[in-house]
Structure formats: structure tokens, C-alpha cells
Protein backbone atom coordinates (compact mmCIF):
# COMPACT_ATOMS: atom_id res chain seq x y z
CA MET A 1 11.67 8.59 10.45
CA SER A 2 13.56 9.46 7.33
CA VAL A 3 12.02 11.70 4.70
CA TYR A 4 12.27 10.85 1.00
CA SER A 5 11.58 13.23 -1.86
CA ASN A 6 11.04 12.56 -5.52
CA CYS A 7 12.18 14.71 -8.43
CA GLU A 8 9.37 17.20 -7.79
CA GLY A 9 10.55 17.80 -4.24
CA ILE A 10 7.43 16.19 -2.75
CA SER A 11 8.26 14.43 0.50
CA ARG A 12 6.16 11.68 1.93
CA ARG A 13 5.46 13.92 4.90
CA ASP A 14 3.64 16.17 2.45
CA SER A 15 1.15 13.36 1.83
CA LEU A 16 -2.43 14.06 2.75
CA SER A 17 -3.09 11.58 5.52
CA LEU A 18 -6.15 10.68 7.49
CA GLY A 19 -4.68 9.63 10.80
CA LEU A 20 -7.02 8.89 13.61
CA GLY A 21 -5.65 11.91 15.43
CA ALA A 22 -6.70 13.55 18.65
CA LEU A 23 -9.06 10.78 19.69
CA LEU A 24 -10.69 12.52 22.59
CA GLY A 25 -10.61 15.82 20.76
CA GLY A 26 -12.47 14.70 17.66
CA GLY A 27 -9.94 13.72 14.96
CA PHE A 28 -10.38 9.99 15.33
CA VAL A 29 -14.03 10.48 16.09
CA GLY A 30 -14.38 12.29 12.78
CA ALA A 31 -12.75 9.40 10.98
CA LEU A 32 -15.07 6.92 12.63
CA ARG A 33 -18.05 9.15 11.96
CA ALA A 34 -17.22 8.80 8.28
CA ARG A 35 -16.77 5.03 8.26
CA GLN A 36 -20.02 3.91 9.87
CA ASN A 37 -21.29 0.41 9.33
CA PRO A 38 -18.83 -0.98 6.76
CA GLY A 39 -20.62 -4.30 7.06
CA GLN A 40 -19.28 -7.74 7.77
CA PRO A 41 -17.06 -9.31 5.12
CA SER A 42 -19.06 -11.70 2.99
CA THR A 43 -16.06 -12.65 0.85
CA PRO A 44 -13.26 -15.14 1.60
CA PRO A 45 -10.86 -13.89 4.29
CA THR A 46 -8.15 -12.82 1.87
CA SER A 47 -5.89 -9.81 2.35
CA CYS A 48 -3.33 -7.73 0.47
CA ILE A 49 -0.03 -6.23 1.60
CA LEU A 50 1.20 -3.71 -0.95
CA PHE A 51 4.77 -2.43 -0.91
CA TRP A 52 4.45 0.85 -2.76
CA LEU A 53 7.89 1.98 -4.01
CA ASP A 54 7.23 5.67 -4.46
CA GLY A 55 9.24 7.30 -7.22
CA GLY A 56 9.32 4.33 -9.59
CA PRO A 57 11.88 1.52 -9.16
CA SER A 58 14.06 0.44 -12.07
CA HIS A 59 12.94 -2.79 -13.72
CA ILE A 60 16.48 -3.44 -14.95
CA GLU A 61 17.99 -3.21 -11.46
CA THR A 62 15.34 -5.54 -10.00
CA PHE A 63 13.57 -8.27 -11.97
CA ASP A 64 14.32 -7.65 -15.66
CA PRO A 65 18.11 -7.42 -16.12
CA LYS A 66 19.46 -7.02 -19.65
CA PRO A 67 22.93 -8.63 -19.72
CA ASP A 68 23.15 -8.64 -23.53
CA ALA A 69 22.29 -4.95 -23.88
CA PRO A 70 24.97 -2.28 -24.51
CA ALA A 71 26.87 -1.00 -21.49
CA GLU A 72 24.90 2.25 -21.39
CA ILE A 73 21.77 0.17 -20.79
CA ARG A 74 22.72 -2.92 -18.79
CA GLY A 75 24.27 -0.91 -15.96
CA GLU A 76 26.67 -2.02 -13.24
CA PHE A 77 24.81 -5.00 -11.82
CA LYS A 78 25.06 -8.54 -13.09
CA PRO A 79 22.13 -10.93 -13.51
CA ILE A 80 21.90 -13.87 -11.14
CA ALA A 81 20.16 -17.19 -11.55
CA THR A 82 17.13 -17.84 -9.38
CA ARG A 83 15.70 -21.05 -8.03
CA VAL A 84 13.50 -21.26 -11.12
CA PRO A 85 15.37 -22.42 -14.26
CA GLY A 86 15.59 -19.67 -16.87
CA MET A 87 14.50 -16.90 -14.48
CA PHE A 88 17.13 -14.21 -13.77
CA PHE A 89 17.08 -11.26 -11.38
CA SER A 90 19.51 -8.43 -10.76
CA GLU A 91 22.23 -9.27 -8.28
CA ASN A 92 20.50 -6.89 -5.84
CA MET A 93 17.73 -9.46 -5.42
CA THR A 94 19.62 -12.42 -3.94
CA ARG A 95 17.11 -13.24 -1.16
CA LEU A 96 14.18 -13.08 -3.56
CA ALA A 97 16.09 -15.16 -6.12
CA ALA A 98 16.42 -17.86 -3.47
CA ILE A 99 12.63 -18.03 -2.98
CA SER A 100 11.62 -17.35 -6.58
CA ASN A 101 9.67 -20.61 -6.50
CA LYS A 102 7.20 -18.89 -4.16
CA LEU A 103 6.43 -15.86 -6.34
CA THR A 104 5.64 -14.54 -9.80
CA ILE A 105 7.18 -11.61 -11.67
CA VAL A 106 5.08 -9.68 -14.17
CA ARG A 107 7.41 -7.91 -16.63
CA SER A 108 4.88 -6.61 -19.10
CA VAL A 109 2.66 -4.02 -17.44
CA ARG A 110 2.81 -0.68 -19.24
CA HIS A 111 0.91 2.60 -19.46
CA ASP A 112 1.27 6.08 -20.96
CA GLN A 113 1.34 8.21 -17.80
CA ASN A 114 5.00 9.11 -17.53
CA ASN A 115 4.93 11.38 -14.48
CA HIS A 116 4.59 10.69 -10.78
CA GLY A 117 1.11 12.14 -10.30
CA ALA A 118 -0.62 10.41 -13.19
CA GLY A 119 1.41 7.20 -12.96
CA ASN A 120 0.71 6.86 -9.25
CA HIS A 121 -3.01 7.33 -9.82
CA TYR A 122 -3.21 4.83 -12.67
CA MET A 123 -1.34 2.08 -10.86
CA MET A 124 -3.09 2.66 -7.53
CA THR A 125 -6.64 2.85 -8.89
CA GLY A 126 -6.72 1.07 -12.25
CA ALA A 127 -8.16 4.23 -13.80
CA PRO A 128 -6.21 6.80 -15.84
CA THR A 129 -6.47 10.43 -14.85
CA ARG A 130 -9.30 12.34 -16.53
CA ILE A 131 -7.20 15.37 -17.37
CA PRO A 132 -3.45 16.02 -17.64
CA VAL A 133 -1.87 16.48 -14.23
CA SER A 134 1.49 17.77 -13.06
CA CYS A 135 4.24 15.39 -12.08
CA GLY A 136 4.10 16.35 -8.43
CA ALA A 137 0.32 16.36 -8.05
CA PHE A 138 -1.63 14.50 -5.40
CA VAL A 139 -4.37 13.15 -7.64
CA SER A 140 -7.72 11.56 -6.82
CA PHE A 141 -10.17 11.01 -9.67
CA HIS A 142 -11.06 7.47 -8.58
CA PRO A 143 -10.96 5.38 -5.37
CA SER A 144 -7.75 3.50 -4.64
CA MET A 145 -7.54 -0.26 -4.26
CA GLY A 146 -7.39 0.05 -0.49
CA SER A 147 -10.44 2.29 -0.32
CA VAL A 148 -12.49 0.04 -2.59
CA THR A 149 -11.48 -2.93 -0.46
CA SER A 150 -12.55 -1.04 2.65
CA ALA A 151 -15.95 -0.28 1.13
CA GLU A 152 -16.51 -3.80 -0.15
CA ARG A 153 -15.00 -5.84 2.63
CA GLY A 154 -14.90 -4.03 5.97
CA ALA A 155 -12.89 -5.50 8.85
CA PRO A 156 -13.72 -7.38 12.05
CA GLY A 157 -13.22 -6.28 15.62
CA GLY A 158 -13.84 -2.59 14.95
CA LEU A 159 -10.52 -2.27 13.12
CA PRO A 160 -10.30 -0.02 10.05
CA ALA A 161 -10.24 -2.08 6.85
CA TYR A 162 -7.48 -0.09 5.14
CA PHE A 163 -4.13 0.89 6.63
CA SER A 164 -1.28 2.89 5.12
CA ILE A 165 2.12 2.85 6.83
CA PRO A 166 3.77 5.31 7.55
CA SER A 167 1.88 7.71 5.26
CA MET A 168 -0.76 7.72 2.56
CA THR A 169 0.31 7.47 -1.05
CA ARG A 170 -0.60 10.44 -3.21
CA SER A 171 -3.47 8.59 -4.91
CA GLY A 172 -4.31 6.23 -2.06
CA GLY A 173 -7.51 8.01 -1.07
CA PRO A 174 -11.21 7.16 -1.34
CA ASN A 175 -12.47 9.87 -3.72
CA PHE A 176 -16.29 9.59 -4.01
CA LEU A 177 -16.44 6.66 -1.56
CA GLY A 178 -15.99 9.19 1.24
CA SER A 179 -13.52 9.71 4.05
CA ARG A 180 -14.76 6.68 5.99
CA HIS A 181 -12.79 4.62 3.47
CA ALA A 182 -9.59 6.66 3.65
CA PRO A 183 -6.64 4.76 5.14
CA PHE A 184 -5.85 4.68 8.82
CA VAL A 185 -2.30 6.03 8.75
CA VAL A 186 0.17 4.63 11.28
CA SER A 187 2.97 7.18 11.20
CA ASP A 188 4.57 5.94 14.41
CA ASP A 189 7.71 3.82 13.97
CA PRO A 190 7.35 0.26 15.32
CA ASN A 191 11.15 0.00 15.39
CA GLN A 192 11.28 2.42 18.31
CA SER A 193 11.85 0.95 21.76
CA VAL A 194 8.49 2.33 22.86
CA PHE A 195 5.87 1.96 20.15
CA SER A 196 2.28 2.95 20.73
CA VAL A 197 -0.18 3.97 18.07
CA ARG A 198 -1.71 7.32 18.80
CA ASP A 199 -5.46 7.28 19.34
CA VAL A 200 -5.55 3.56 19.97
CA THR A 201 -4.02 3.93 23.42
CA ILE A 202 -5.80 5.84 26.17
CA PRO A 203 -3.53 8.73 27.22
CA ARG A 204 -1.93 8.22 30.63
CA GLU A 205 -3.52 11.35 32.02
CA LEU A 206 -6.97 9.95 31.22
CA ASN A 207 -7.61 6.85 33.25
CA ASP A 208 -10.59 4.64 32.59
CA SER A 209 -12.77 6.32 35.20
CA ARG A 210 -12.13 9.79 33.73
CA VAL A 211 -12.97 8.55 30.24
CA THR A 212 -16.17 6.99 31.57
CA GLY A 213 -17.02 10.22 33.38
CA ARG A 214 -16.60 12.25 30.22
CA ARG A 215 -18.83 9.87 28.32
CA GLU A 216 -21.53 10.14 30.97
CA LEU A 217 -21.33 13.94 30.90
CA ARG A 218 -21.68 13.95 27.12
CA THR A 219 -24.68 11.62 27.38
CA ARG A 220 -26.44 13.92 29.84
CA LEU A 221 -25.76 16.99 27.74
CA ASP A 222 -27.09 15.21 24.69
CA GLN A 223 -30.35 14.58 26.46
CA LEU A 224 -31.04 18.31 26.37
CA MET A 225 -33.48 19.43 23.70
CA ARG A 226 -31.79 20.55 20.49
CA PHE A 227 -33.57 21.88 17.48
CA GLN A 228 -31.74 19.40 15.29
CA ASP A 229 -33.07 16.45 17.22
CA ARG A 230 -36.15 16.04 15.08
CA ALA A 231 -34.22 16.17 11.87
CA ALA A 232 -33.04 13.00 10.25
CA GLY A 233 -29.33 12.35 10.52
CA ASP A 234 -28.63 14.76 13.37
CA PRO A 235 -24.88 15.43 12.98
CA VAL A 236 -24.39 15.96 16.72
CA ARG A 237 -26.02 12.65 17.53
CA GLY A 238 -23.92 11.01 14.85
CA MET A 239 -20.78 12.46 16.41
CA ASP A 240 -21.80 11.05 19.78
CA GLU A 241 -22.20 7.60 18.29
CA ASN A 242 -18.75 7.75 16.76
CA TYR A 243 -17.24 9.07 19.96
CA THR A 244 -18.55 5.92 21.61
CA GLN A 245 -17.06 3.80 18.81
CA ALA A 246 -13.72 5.55 19.24
CA VAL A 247 -13.57 4.73 22.94
CA SER A 248 -14.64 1.17 22.17
CA LEU A 249 -11.75 0.79 19.74
CA MET A 250 -9.32 1.98 22.40
CA ARG A 251 -10.65 -0.81 24.60
CA SER A 252 -10.66 -3.39 21.80
CA ALA A 253 -8.45 -6.35 22.61
CA VAL A 254 -8.18 -7.13 18.88
CA ALA A 255 -6.85 -3.66 18.09
CA GLN A 256 -4.42 -3.65 21.00
CA ARG A 257 -2.99 -7.05 20.09
CA ALA A 258 -2.54 -6.13 16.45
CA PHE A 259 -0.25 -3.24 17.34
CA GLU A 260 1.82 -5.09 19.95
CA VAL A 261 4.79 -5.78 17.71
CA HIS A 262 7.01 -6.07 20.79
CA ARG A 263 5.27 -9.34 21.67
CA GLU A 264 6.79 -11.03 18.63
CA PRO A 265 9.75 -13.33 19.46
CA ASP A 266 13.15 -11.69 19.04
CA ARG A 267 14.05 -14.19 16.32
CA VAL A 268 11.05 -13.02 14.27
CA ARG A 269 11.78 -9.34 14.76
CA ASP A 270 15.44 -9.92 13.94
CA ALA A 271 14.50 -11.81 10.77
CA PHE A 272 12.40 -8.90 9.51
CA GLY A 273 15.23 -6.52 10.40
CA ARG A 274 15.56 -4.11 13.28
CA ASN A 275 14.79 -1.15 11.05
CA SER A 276 11.71 0.90 10.23
CA LEU A 277 10.83 -0.91 7.00
CA GLY A 278 11.27 -4.37 8.47
CA GLN A 279 9.19 -3.69 11.55
CA ARG A 280 6.47 -2.02 9.47
CA ALA A 281 6.26 -5.17 7.34
CA LEU A 282 5.93 -7.19 10.53
CA LEU A 283 3.16 -4.86 11.71
CA ALA A 284 1.43 -5.33 8.35
CA ARG A 285 1.48 -9.09 8.86
CA ARG A 286 -0.01 -8.68 12.34
CA LEU A 287 -2.77 -6.46 10.95
CA VAL A 288 -3.59 -9.08 8.32
CA GLU A 289 -3.69 -11.71 11.05
CA ALA A 290 -6.23 -9.54 12.88
CA GLY A 291 -8.44 -9.50 9.78
CA VAL A 292 -7.48 -6.24 8.04
CA PRO A 293 -7.94 -6.84 4.28
CA PHE A 294 -5.64 -4.15 2.85
CA VAL A 295 -2.34 -2.69 4.10
CA THR A 296 -0.05 -0.39 2.10
CA ILE A 297 3.58 0.10 3.10
CA ASN A 298 4.56 3.41 1.50
CA ASP A 299 8.33 3.34 0.92
CA GLY A 300 9.84 6.41 -0.71
CA GLY A 301 13.12 7.30 -2.36
CA TRP A 302 12.92 5.30 -5.61
CA ASP A 303 13.17 8.24 -8.01
CA HIS A 304 16.74 7.55 -9.08
CA HIS A 305 17.52 10.23 -11.66
CA SER A 306 21.08 10.18 -10.33
CA ASN A 307 23.30 8.06 -8.09
CA ILE A 308 21.25 5.00 -9.00
CA PHE A 309 23.89 2.31 -8.58
CA PRO A 310 25.21 3.01 -5.06
CA ALA A 311 21.74 4.04 -3.91
CA PHE A 312 20.08 0.98 -5.39
CA LYS A 313 22.65 -1.41 -4.03
CA LYS A 314 21.84 -0.29 -0.49
CA GLN A 315 18.13 0.42 -0.84
CA GLY A 316 17.32 -2.48 -3.15
CA GLN A 317 18.99 -5.06 -0.96
CA ALA A 318 17.29 -3.68 2.16
CA LEU A 319 13.88 -3.88 0.48
CA GLU A 320 14.27 -7.37 -0.96
CA SER A 321 15.41 -8.77 2.37
CA VAL A 322 12.22 -7.51 4.03
CA VAL A 323 9.95 -8.71 1.22
CA ALA A 324 11.60 -12.15 1.17
CA THR A 325 11.25 -12.46 4.94
CA LEU A 326 7.57 -11.50 4.80
CA ILE A 327 6.81 -14.05 2.06
CA GLU A 328 8.63 -16.81 3.95
CA ASP A 329 6.97 -15.85 7.22
CA LEU A 330 3.51 -15.91 5.66
CA ASP A 331 4.23 -19.24 4.00
CA GLN A 332 5.44 -20.83 7.24
CA ARG A 333 2.31 -19.64 9.03
CA GLY A 334 0.00 -20.96 6.33
CA MET A 335 -1.05 -17.41 5.49
CA LEU A 336 0.45 -17.04 2.02
CA ASP A 337 -2.51 -18.84 0.45
CA THR A 338 -4.82 -16.06 1.67
CA THR A 339 -2.45 -13.06 1.63
CA LEU A 340 -1.49 -11.28 -1.59
CA VAL A 341 1.92 -9.58 -1.56
CA LEU A 342 2.56 -6.91 -4.19
CA VAL A 343 5.74 -4.92 -4.83
CA MET A 344 5.47 -2.09 -7.36
CA GLY A 345 5.71 1.62 -8.07
CA GLU A 346 4.24 4.06 -10.55
CA PHE A 347 6.56 3.08 -13.44
CA GLY A 348 9.97 1.69 -14.34
CA ARG A 349 13.08 3.62 -15.40
CA THR A 350 14.60 4.47 -18.77
CA PRO A 351 16.83 1.71 -20.11
CA LYS A 352 19.45 4.22 -21.22
CA ILE A 353 21.52 5.60 -18.38
CA SER A 354 21.85 9.37 -18.29
CA THR A 355 23.40 12.09 -16.16
CA LEU A 356 21.36 15.12 -15.19
CA PRO A 357 22.82 18.60 -15.80
CA GLY A 358 24.85 19.56 -12.77
CA SER A 359 25.14 15.96 -11.57
CA THR A 360 28.22 13.77 -11.70
CA THR A 361 26.49 10.46 -10.97
CA PRO A 362 24.38 8.54 -13.52
CA GLY A 363 20.73 7.60 -13.14
CA ARG A 364 17.62 6.58 -15.02
CA ASP A 365 14.55 8.69 -15.75
CA HIS A 366 10.81 7.93 -15.71
CA TRP A 367 9.69 5.12 -18.01
CA SER A 368 6.14 3.78 -18.07
CA SER A 369 6.48 1.46 -21.08
CA ALA A 370 8.07 -1.32 -19.03
CA ILE A 371 7.17 -2.07 -15.41
CA SER A 372 8.15 -5.11 -13.35
CA ILE A 373 5.86 -6.18 -10.51
CA LEU A 374 6.34 -8.87 -7.88
CA VAL A 375 3.22 -10.86 -7.01
CA ALA A 376 3.04 -13.63 -4.43
CA GLY A 377 0.35 -15.48 -2.54
CA CYS A 378 -3.43 -15.63 -2.57
CA GLY A 379 -3.54 -18.38 -5.16
CA THR A 380 -0.95 -16.88 -7.51
CA PRO A 381 0.90 -19.64 -9.39
CA ARG A 382 4.45 -19.85 -8.11
CA GLY A 383 7.76 -19.69 -9.89
CA GLN A 384 6.83 -17.99 -13.15
CA VAL A 385 7.57 -14.92 -15.23
CA VAL A 386 4.65 -13.29 -17.00
CA GLY A 387 5.40 -11.38 -20.20
CA ALA A 388 8.65 -9.92 -21.47
CA THR A 389 10.25 -6.70 -22.64
CA ASP A 390 12.45 -6.23 -25.69
CA ARG A 391 16.18 -6.95 -25.72
CA ASN A 392 17.07 -3.56 -24.24
CA GLY A 393 14.12 -3.21 -21.87
CA TYR A 394 12.39 -0.36 -23.65
CA ALA A 395 8.90 -1.80 -24.00
CA ALA A 396 6.70 -4.70 -22.99
CA VAL A 397 6.35 -6.88 -26.07
CA GLU A 398 4.79 -10.11 -24.84
CA LYS A 399 1.55 -10.60 -22.87
CA ILE A 400 1.09 -6.86 -22.47
CA TYR A 401 -1.19 -5.70 -19.66
CA GLY A 402 -2.30 -2.36 -18.26
CA PRO A 403 -2.67 -1.17 -14.66
CA GLU A 404 -6.42 -1.85 -14.84
CA ASN A 405 -5.75 -5.54 -15.50
CA LEU A 406 -3.48 -5.72 -12.46
CA VAL A 407 -6.05 -3.95 -10.27
CA ALA A 408 -8.82 -6.21 -11.59
CA SER A 409 -6.67 -9.19 -10.60
CA VAL A 410 -6.20 -7.82 -7.10
CA TYR A 411 -9.93 -7.25 -6.67
CA THR A 412 -10.74 -10.73 -7.88
CA LYS A 413 -8.28 -12.27 -5.43
CA LEU A 414 -9.85 -10.24 -2.63
CA GLY A 415 -13.31 -11.46 -3.54
CA ILE A 416 -14.41 -8.18 -5.13
CA ASP A 417 -16.13 -8.20 -8.52
CA PRO A 418 -14.05 -6.04 -10.92
CA ASN A 419 -17.18 -5.61 -13.07
CA LYS A 420 -19.01 -3.84 -10.27
CA ILE A 421 -20.33 -0.32 -10.69
CA LEU A 422 -19.98 2.06 -7.76
CA TYR A 423 -22.12 5.11 -7.11
CA GLY A 424 -21.02 8.44 -5.69
CA ALA A 425 -23.02 10.64 -3.34
CA ASN A 426 -24.59 12.33 -6.36
CA GLY A 427 -25.72 8.99 -7.74
CA ARG A 428 -23.32 9.08 -10.66
CA PRO A 429 -22.12 5.57 -11.62
CA ALA A 430 -18.47 4.63 -12.03
CA HIS A 431 -16.92 1.32 -13.00
CA ILE A 432 -14.80 -0.05 -10.16
CA VAL A 433 -11.97 -0.47 -12.71
CA SER A 434 -11.83 0.71 -16.30
CA ASP A 435 -11.04 -2.75 -17.71
CA PRO A 436 -12.20 -5.72 -15.59
CA ARG A 437 -10.11 -8.32 -17.42
CA THR A 438 -7.61 -9.96 -15.08
CA ILE A 439 -4.03 -11.04 -15.77
CA ALA A 440 -4.82 -14.66 -16.56
CA GLU A 441 -1.42 -15.98 -15.48
CA LEU A 442 -1.95 -14.64 -11.94
CA MET A 443 -5.26 -16.43 -11.52
């Protein structure tokens, strides 16, 4: 697995992740202990797959090209026509241009958090940070979209309701909702010839009879008198219950099938691409099929302060091929009507091209006044552009929305009331999103 770093030197392996590690040693058990009784989903069976482009992708090099701007702004890539009359993308987005009639581009989201830490938090939660934070910070002042979805929706078949692949985003955590609503991180690479998710597969050295024997031994030991037994919420008893849940998940046919990417036909795997990103997108689709309501694909390396044009040509085309394949695959399976696909990062990039001191290759810096976001599925009107930026791409000037409006739209599509008030362990109330108004054009 490759490691990407942003301008602060933070690699995605530095992310705080709640894997379900060391199942029979307690890691996974601890995770399950935290996420007891999420409840059965009472909302429509809708789901979200979020491609998080960590670092902040350029809006000009993706969905908001500026061909009439000066050379120091428009860059090296030409605009291309899409299937929708009057809609133009960067030439990096040829596959998505061909299916533009299946998606919507929002060009007018903006905010004032121009560093990675604060921008990530705002876009991932719909709530601005409470205090100034450093650019490289891992920030959690409010639950992420995935964690809220986990708390409000749950998932069937004993599966976690929130996955993050292959790592957790820096603001993708649950905050006051508690660790039971942190993402289940699948760090293993489904593109490998042998792919098995740790803690969902019984280790070879522990056959079924040995696992059963250990459970029986634990049961007998737990029958011994403990002074905590008379207290409400005995933590040892609670651990035992979650140990049992952990073993049950290992034996869950639903869980096993969801991770069996190798059972997909070769033509499907080839279409997604025999690479880590492509196979992770395929895994995300399988998880949604199994009933998981929220999956984040955390893709790093979009902090292009330098070398933007050669890097973007390779990375941008690889990304858009995977996203286009996923949208087409969902549509062919009749799943696009119930699956929301989002592609976004923490901000856009400066319209004016610059060269960092000591660098010989041009790039673009952080820019939160103009952000382009791809939205498809889950009832989103197809083939439209929402909002606009000025001639040179400096600022959203038409139908301006904030991150909270985007997050409110996501919640609404997932059957979650964006007006809801959540309560922390201390009883303190918090609005689920700071502004519950949705982006009308997405609804």
C-alpha cells in the first residue's frame, strides 16, 4: 500500500484508526463492546460511498475549467465537452464526461477554513472547528457523517454501519457519539492475490472446536463470584457479551460474503481496475449491497503544491476511471437510486499557479473559496451543474452553499433528520449539523 503525505508531512498511516484488531485478544471485542445495540434501520435502505480526496483536489483541473482565464490560471489542461450540453470538464475527466448525464457537479461550495485540519473537519462533519487548529491537526469537535449515520441507522447482519478504507480520515471519528460509532477500518488491500480481512476470518491455528472450547472456558470462569457482579453494567460481563458477538461476526455468512471480492467475475474486477483504488471501490459496492449505510474511501496525495500537471494527469485519470465505473456499475444493478456517491476533499486549489521556494515545478495552494463536488445517485437529479465561480475561479458567486448544507443534504438522502439534536454522555445537546438547510438542487 502506498503512503501519501500532505504539505504538513502527515501520512495516511498516521491516521488514528479503529480497526477491529486482535479479535481473540480483545481489540475487535473492544470495538464491539462500544457499539452495542445500534438498532435496526427504520429509514429507507439508502447508502453513501464517499471518495475522500485528502489534500484538496483542484477544481480547475477537474470540474470547473477556466479556458478564458489568463495562462497563469487556466493551466495546461483543456476543457472538454460532456454529454450534457453546456457542461465542460477538464480533459482529465473523460470517462466522467461521458456519463455526465448520470451525475451532478456542485461548483459553489465554499468555507473559510483554509488549512487541512479545519477544512477536513468542516467538510466531513458540517460543523466548523470551535477554535483555530493547525494545518496538520487531526481534529474532532463533532461527529463525522459516517459516525452519525452509524448511530442513526445501524446495519444488518452484525456488520458495522460505517467503514473507512484503507484508513480513517483525520476528522472521520465519532466524537461524543462514542467509539462504537467509529469506522471499521479495512487496511488490507483487496487487490492482493490473497485478501482476507483481519478479525473477520478465524485464524488458521484456531479451528472451530478450539474457539468453542475457549468460549466455554470463559463462560465457566465468568460463573465464579465477582464483586462487580451485583453492580449495574458490569464491565467484565459486558466484555463477555461482546466477545460472543465478535465470534458470531466471524461466523456471519453476510460478513464473509461482503469481503469476498475474489468472487466477482473477472470482467467486473477488470472494469474497476486491477489496482488498490479500483478494488477498494468494488469492495465498497459489495459492502453497500450487504446493507452497510456509509463507506468512506480515503484516497490521499491531492495536496498539489508542486508538480500538479504531471501528477494530476496520472492521478486524476486513475480516480475518474474508478468513479465512473462505480457509477455505471451501480446504475446497471439498479442500486444508483439508493446509493449516494460523493467525490470531494477539504477544499479546492488557488486559481493562480505558483512555484514553491526550492521547487522547479508549478502547483496550486490551498483555496477554500471555491470547491467542486461530484454527487450522483440516491435521487439526485442527473446531468446538471449547481452554482458557478467567477471567470477566473477565485470564488463561488452563484448559488453559494456551505459544507453544512452539503452534509444536511447527505443526511436527508440517508433518511436522517438534519434538524435533529444529539446528546453527549454528559447530556449536553448538539445540533447534528450547524445549518440544516439542504442544497435544493440535489433534492
